[in-house]
């Protein structure tokens, strides 16, 4: 992830570019420096990951098909229950090279925007997505701790396997902004690993936290969001963290 501190828009490198890059400012205190290191260490980890599906899934490319299949069913459930009423524009948060964008969101929505902290992933996304990249709107290079999606813009904000890279306060702040980004009839979808302990578990390799369900729900509630549908991911190998999809308004 990028710096948690203030940002400004960079001029677009090309007149017709859809990619927006952001710069961070310097830390102002010891606390800021510690937080800065938390995000920088995660950013460094992802910078050396391969730009393919195996890299996006941490060496578990076999999870791709069951993941996408269950996510499609979840979207269908939201539609059938009238919890998701329009399929105009979606936002893929922590998009990587566009795995979720290509296989889940573009087949369902007219336009998809993407945001990820790792510029090499964004750069790879056009080739990975292929011809359907023409229906990708904006591509943002920025960490979610500072990213602010446009208000009243999205029918779905999809946030998958990335929230562990946010501090608790940034988690709350980010999802508060996501709620403001929804159009009427839209939903925010959280999809992530859930820890089985009473406290969050830290992974020193990729510098991320795995939170238990009660902690996730508490943070989402503090962001002003209300759960409207929840479903456990199935067909993953034994021994893995529970993964859950939670739709919120």
Foldseek 3Di string as FASTA:
>chain_A
DAQLADWDWDPDPDPPDQEIEIDHDDDDDPVSVVLRVLLVLLQVLLQPFDQDCCSLVVNPSVVLVLVQVVVQVVVVVCVVVLLQPDQEEEEEEQQFLNSCVQRPNLVRYQEYEYEHQHVVRPVNNDVVNDPSCVRYGHYYRDHLLPDAADFQAHQEYEYEARCQSDDLVSLLVSLLSVVRRHHVSHKYKYKYFADPDQAWDADPSSSGTHHHPVSVVVSNVSSVKDWDDKDWRDDDDPPGGTIMITIID
